[in-house]
Amino acid sequence: MGVTEKEEKYFSCCFIALLVFGLMLLGVCMVSRDFWRIYWAGASIAVGLFVIAAIVFGVYTCFKKPVKYVKIEDSLIVLADGRNEYAKHGAVQSVCFFADDEKLKDGEFAGLPIERVLLPEKLEKIPSYTFANCEKLADISIPATVTEIGEYAFAGCRALKSITIPAAVAKTGEYAFCGCTGLEKVELPNGLEAISFGTFAKCNRCITLVFDCEESVWKEKCAAYKTWGLTDACKVQFSDWGEPKTIKAWLEGESQ
């Protein structure tokens, strides 16, 4: 884990003070007439080790990339390295990134108590398990640059109520939103070609999928809705509809 800018300054000052103090003690030992006596020799060795330890610590502190952060109300928003380390200790409720951050790691925030995430604008992929089991996550917007959402990416995000899939995403990852029991609405782009197996498994049984296209585009594909994890009570809505309909009734041609 990195250190904050304040911590870096503090550690650097301590390092300098320890180094000066250690050198002073070592100098006193060296000029003493009793230097070769056993107790002075022992003191010299001890001081030498102390100075070496201070040097090692100082070098580590200076070269360790700092974590930069800002405060927004009562939430600590961490930028760049170390963001998940802070979150593990419950210090982070919100997370955002530097503008030039472009990548996330598999499972990077999995299981952390974060409530809000501001993803980098240049992000292209949300890897597998990135936010899996972030049960408090309720506020996140996927950037338009994202082209891929990995398997189990948002699985278990129970507080998530709505999500919009970017236009560049052609296919959702398997079980991407599995277990999102609070999910009520998912907006799907016109360019989406397929919904993978189990994408919405164990979600809200009354979830509504809003497609940004006419119903004719998905009429045949929606026949496999149960493989997506949807129930008969789930609803769909298309751009040429006024109101959503239950998916089963729509496919069977029943009136609402």
Protein backbone atom coordinates (compact mmCIF):
# COMPACT_ATOMS: atom_id res chain seq x y z
CA MET A 1 0.00 0.00 0.00
CA GLY A 2 1.22 3.51 -0.72
CA VAL A 3 1.46 6.40 1.72
CA THR A 4 -0.27 9.76 1.63
CA GLU A 5 1.60 12.97 0.87
CA LYS A 6 1.35 14.06 4.52
CA GLU A 7 2.70 10.72 5.70
CA GLU A 8 5.52 10.89 3.18
CA LYS A 9 6.62 14.32 4.49
CA TYR A 10 6.37 13.13 8.08
CA PHE A 11 8.41 9.99 7.45
CA SER A 12 11.02 11.95 5.49
CA CYS A 13 11.48 14.41 8.37
CA CYS A 14 11.76 11.54 10.86
CA PHE A 15 14.32 9.86 8.64
CA ILE A 16 16.49 12.98 8.45
CA ALA A 17 16.26 13.54 12.21
CA LEU A 18 17.15 9.92 12.96
CA LEU A 19 20.05 9.99 10.53
CA VAL A 20 21.53 13.17 12.03
CA PHE A 21 21.07 11.89 15.57
CA GLY A 22 22.65 8.56 14.74
CA LEU A 23 25.67 10.16 13.06
CA MET A 24 26.18 12.45 16.04
CA LEU A 25 26.19 9.55 18.47
CA LEU A 26 28.53 7.60 16.22
CA GLY A 27 30.90 10.59 16.06
CA VAL A 28 30.95 10.88 19.86
CA CYS A 29 31.81 7.22 20.14
CA MET A 30 34.61 7.51 17.57
CA VAL A 31 36.41 10.41 19.30
CA SER A 32 36.07 9.05 22.81
CA ARG A 33 39.29 7.87 24.49
CA ASP A 34 37.37 4.85 25.77
CA PHE A 35 36.15 3.90 22.32
CA TRP A 36 37.82 0.49 22.35
CA ARG A 37 36.23 -0.48 25.60
CA ILE A 38 33.52 -3.09 25.21
CA TYR A 39 30.56 -0.92 26.13
CA TRP A 40 31.56 1.79 23.62
CA ALA A 41 32.04 -0.83 20.94
CA GLY A 42 28.59 -2.24 21.64
CA ALA A 43 27.08 1.24 21.52
CA SER A 44 28.78 1.95 18.21
CA ILE A 45 27.42 -1.24 16.68
CA ALA A 46 23.93 -0.49 17.97
CA VAL A 47 24.03 3.06 16.63
CA GLY A 48 25.35 1.82 13.29
CA LEU A 49 22.49 -0.63 12.93
CA PHE A 50 20.06 2.11 13.91
CA VAL A 51 21.42 4.39 11.19
CA ILE A 52 21.27 1.61 8.57
CA ALA A 53 17.65 0.88 9.50
CA ALA A 54 16.83 4.59 9.21
CA ILE A 55 18.45 4.76 5.78
CA VAL A 56 16.54 1.72 4.51
CA PHE A 57 13.26 3.11 5.82
CA GLY A 58 13.97 6.52 4.31
CA VAL A 59 14.79 5.09 0.88
CA TYR A 60 11.64 2.95 0.96
CA THR A 61 9.50 5.95 1.89
CA CYS A 62 10.98 8.22 -0.76
CA PHE A 63 10.58 5.73 -3.60
CA LYS A 64 7.15 4.40 -2.63
CA LYS A 65 4.55 6.00 -4.87
CA PRO A 66 2.24 8.11 -2.72
CA VAL A 67 -1.52 7.82 -2.63
CA LYS A 68 -3.18 11.11 -3.42
CA TYR A 69 -6.63 11.77 -2.10
CA VAL A 70 -9.22 14.45 -1.49
CA LYS A 71 -12.07 14.72 0.98
CA ILE A 72 -15.63 15.09 -0.24
CA GLU A 73 -18.03 15.53 2.67
CA ASP A 74 -17.53 12.50 4.94
CA SER A 75 -16.25 10.17 2.23
CA LEU A 76 -12.61 9.64 1.45
CA ILE A 77 -12.08 9.49 -2.30
CA VAL A 78 -8.80 7.79 -3.12
CA LEU A 79 -7.02 8.40 -6.40
CA ALA A 80 -4.52 6.02 -8.00
CA ASP A 81 -2.48 3.41 -6.10
CA GLY A 82 -3.63 1.99 -2.81
CA ARG A 83 -7.34 2.74 -3.28
CA ASN A 84 -8.45 -0.80 -2.45
CA GLU A 85 -6.10 -1.03 0.53
CA TYR A 86 -7.83 1.93 2.15
CA ALA A 87 -11.22 0.46 1.37
CA LYS A 88 -10.32 -2.82 3.08
CA HIS A 89 -10.04 -0.91 6.33
CA GLY A 90 -13.43 0.74 5.87
CA ALA A 91 -11.97 4.19 5.27
CA VAL A 92 -13.35 4.53 1.76
CA GLN A 93 -16.97 4.89 0.78
CA SER A 94 -16.30 6.46 -2.61
CA VAL A 95 -13.59 5.79 -5.15
CA CYS A 96 -12.52 7.72 -8.23
CA PHE A 97 -9.50 7.71 -10.53
CA PHE A 98 -7.04 9.95 -12.28
CA ALA A 99 -8.20 10.97 -15.74
CA ASP A 100 -5.42 8.97 -17.39
CA ASP A 101 -6.19 5.72 -15.57
CA GLU A 102 -7.33 3.22 -18.19
CA LYS A 103 -7.26 -0.20 -16.55
CA LEU A 104 -8.77 -2.09 -13.65
CA LYS A 105 -7.61 -5.42 -12.26
CA ASP A 106 -9.62 -8.63 -11.91
CA GLY A 107 -11.43 -8.57 -8.58
CA GLU A 108 -9.81 -5.26 -7.61
CA PHE A 109 -12.69 -4.06 -5.43
CA ALA A 110 -14.38 -7.39 -4.76
CA GLY A 111 -16.11 -7.53 -1.39
CA LEU A 112 -15.21 -3.98 -0.31
CA PRO A 113 -17.69 -1.68 1.49
CA ILE A 114 -17.67 1.04 -1.15
CA GLU A 115 -20.89 2.84 -1.99
CA ARG A 116 -19.92 5.02 -4.94
CA VAL A 117 -17.46 4.66 -7.82
CA LEU A 118 -16.42 7.20 -10.44
CA LEU A 119 -14.76 5.23 -13.22
CA PRO A 120 -12.07 6.79 -15.46
CA GLU A 121 -13.38 8.25 -18.70
CA LYS A 122 -10.93 6.27 -20.87
CA LEU A 123 -11.73 2.89 -19.35
CA GLU A 124 -12.26 0.17 -21.96
CA LYS A 125 -12.89 -2.93 -19.88
CA ILE A 126 -14.43 -3.87 -16.55
CA PRO A 127 -12.63 -7.14 -15.76
CA SER A 128 -14.08 -10.22 -14.13
CA TYR A 129 -15.16 -9.93 -10.48
CA THR A 130 -14.10 -6.24 -10.33
CA PHE A 131 -16.99 -5.23 -8.06
CA ALA A 132 -18.22 -8.68 -7.06
CA ASN A 133 -19.99 -8.74 -3.68
CA CYS A 134 -19.70 -4.98 -3.13
CA GLU A 135 -23.03 -5.15 -1.34
CA LYS A 136 -23.17 -1.41 -0.56
CA LEU A 137 -22.36 -0.23 -4.07
CA ALA A 138 -25.35 1.86 -5.19
CA ASP A 139 -23.91 4.53 -7.47
CA ILE A 140 -21.80 3.77 -10.53
CA SER A 141 -21.85 4.90 -14.14
CA ILE A 142 -20.08 2.88 -16.81
CA PRO A 143 -18.16 5.17 -19.23
CA ALA A 144 -19.13 5.22 -22.90
CA THR A 145 -15.61 3.97 -23.79
CA VAL A 146 -16.17 0.58 -22.15
CA THR A 147 -16.43 -2.23 -24.69
CA GLU A 148 -16.35 -5.26 -22.39
CA ILE A 149 -17.93 -6.23 -19.08
CA GLY A 150 -16.37 -9.38 -17.64
CA GLU A 151 -18.02 -12.33 -15.94
CA TYR A 152 -19.29 -11.71 -12.41
CA ALA A 153 -18.15 -8.07 -12.75
CA PHE A 154 -21.04 -6.77 -10.61
CA ALA A 155 -22.25 -10.03 -9.08
CA GLY A 156 -23.71 -9.61 -5.61
CA CYS A 157 -24.06 -5.80 -5.75
CA ARG A 158 -27.33 -5.86 -3.84
CA ALA A 159 -27.69 -2.11 -3.42
CA LEU A 160 -27.43 -1.43 -7.15
CA LYS A 161 -30.83 -0.35 -8.49
CA SER A 162 -30.12 0.63 -12.08
CA ILE A 163 -27.33 0.37 -14.61
CA THR A 164 -26.79 1.56 -18.17
CA ILE A 165 -24.75 -0.60 -20.54
CA PRO A 166 -22.63 1.55 -22.91
CA ALA A 167 -23.27 1.50 -26.65
CA ALA A 168 -19.85 -0.04 -27.38
CA VAL A 169 -20.60 -3.24 -25.44
CA ALA A 170 -21.56 -6.06 -27.81
CA LYS A 171 -22.05 -8.80 -25.23
CA THR A 172 -22.44 -8.98 -21.47
CA GLY A 173 -20.18 -11.26 -19.45
CA GLU A 174 -21.62 -14.43 -17.96
CA TYR A 175 -23.21 -13.82 -14.55
CA ALA A 176 -22.16 -10.15 -14.83
CA PHE A 177 -25.06 -8.99 -12.62
CA CYS A 178 -25.84 -12.25 -10.88
CA GLY A 179 -27.28 -11.76 -7.39
CA CYS A 180 -28.04 -8.05 -7.79
CA THR A 181 -31.27 -8.43 -5.86
CA GLY A 182 -32.00 -4.71 -5.78
CA LEU A 183 -31.60 -4.21 -9.53
CA GLU A 184 -34.81 -2.78 -10.97
CA LYS A 185 -33.81 -1.39 -14.35
CA VAL A 186 -31.13 -2.13 -16.94
CA GLU A 187 -30.74 0.04 -20.04
CA LEU A 188 -29.32 -1.87 -23.00
CA PRO A 189 -27.77 -0.22 -26.09
CA ASN A 190 -28.84 -0.57 -29.69
CA GLY A 191 -25.53 -2.22 -30.57
CA LEU A 192 -25.83 -5.03 -28.03
CA GLU A 193 -25.72 -8.36 -29.84
CA ALA A 194 -26.09 -10.90 -27.05
CA ILE A 195 -26.84 -11.35 -23.36
CA SER A 196 -24.68 -14.11 -21.92
CA PHE A 197 -25.75 -17.06 -19.82
CA GLY A 198 -26.77 -16.18 -16.27
CA THR A 199 -26.20 -12.43 -16.70
CA PHE A 200 -29.22 -11.61 -14.50
CA ALA A 201 -29.44 -14.82 -12.46
CA LYS A 202 -30.83 -14.39 -8.93
CA CYS A 203 -31.70 -10.74 -9.57
CA ASN A 204 -34.91 -8.91 -8.74
CA ARG A 205 -37.68 -11.07 -10.20
CA CYS A 206 -39.41 -7.93 -11.53
CA ILE A 207 -36.37 -6.40 -13.20
CA THR A 208 -37.05 -4.36 -16.35
CA LEU A 209 -34.76 -4.48 -19.40
CA VAL A 210 -35.00 -1.34 -21.52
CA PHE A 211 -33.73 -1.89 -25.06
CA ASP A 212 -32.68 1.06 -27.20
CA CYS A 213 -34.10 -0.51 -30.35
CA GLU A 214 -37.35 -1.78 -31.81
CA GLU A 215 -38.82 -5.06 -30.60
CA SER A 216 -38.25 -6.82 -33.92
CA VAL A 217 -34.49 -6.77 -33.32
CA TRP A 218 -34.73 -8.88 -30.15
CA LYS A 219 -37.94 -10.84 -30.70
CA GLU A 220 -36.18 -14.13 -31.43
CA LYS A 221 -33.25 -13.61 -29.05
CA CYS A 222 -35.55 -12.95 -26.09
CA ALA A 223 -36.93 -16.45 -26.38
CA ALA A 224 -33.83 -17.51 -24.43
CA TYR A 225 -34.60 -15.13 -21.55
CA LYS A 226 -34.55 -17.88 -18.93
CA THR A 227 -30.95 -18.71 -19.79
CA TRP A 228 -30.14 -15.09 -18.93
CA GLY A 229 -31.52 -15.74 -15.44
CA LEU A 230 -34.81 -13.89 -15.95
CA THR A 231 -38.18 -15.07 -14.67
CA ASP A 232 -41.60 -14.86 -16.32
CA ALA A 233 -42.35 -11.77 -14.21
CA CYS A 234 -39.46 -9.78 -15.64
CA LYS A 235 -40.34 -6.97 -18.01
CA VAL A 236 -38.96 -5.61 -21.26
CA GLN A 237 -39.42 -2.32 -23.03
CA PHE A 238 -38.40 -1.25 -26.53
CA SER A 239 -38.01 2.15 -28.15
CA ASP A 240 -41.26 1.71 -30.10
CA TRP A 241 -43.27 0.91 -26.95
CA GLY A 242 -45.02 3.22 -24.57
CA GLU A 243 -44.95 0.98 -21.51
CA PRO A 244 -42.97 -2.14 -20.48
CA LYS A 245 -44.53 -5.59 -20.72
CA THR A 246 -43.77 -8.85 -18.95
CA ILE A 247 -41.45 -10.81 -21.17
CA LYS A 248 -43.55 -13.96 -21.11
CA ALA A 249 -46.74 -12.15 -22.07
CA TRP A 250 -44.98 -10.31 -24.86
CA LEU A 251 -43.47 -13.43 -26.37
CA GLU A 252 -46.79 -15.27 -26.14
CA GLY A 253 -48.64 -12.32 -27.66
CA GLU A 254 -50.92 -11.83 -24.64
CA SER A 255 -52.52 -8.47 -24.00
CA GLN A 256 -51.48 -6.44 -20.97
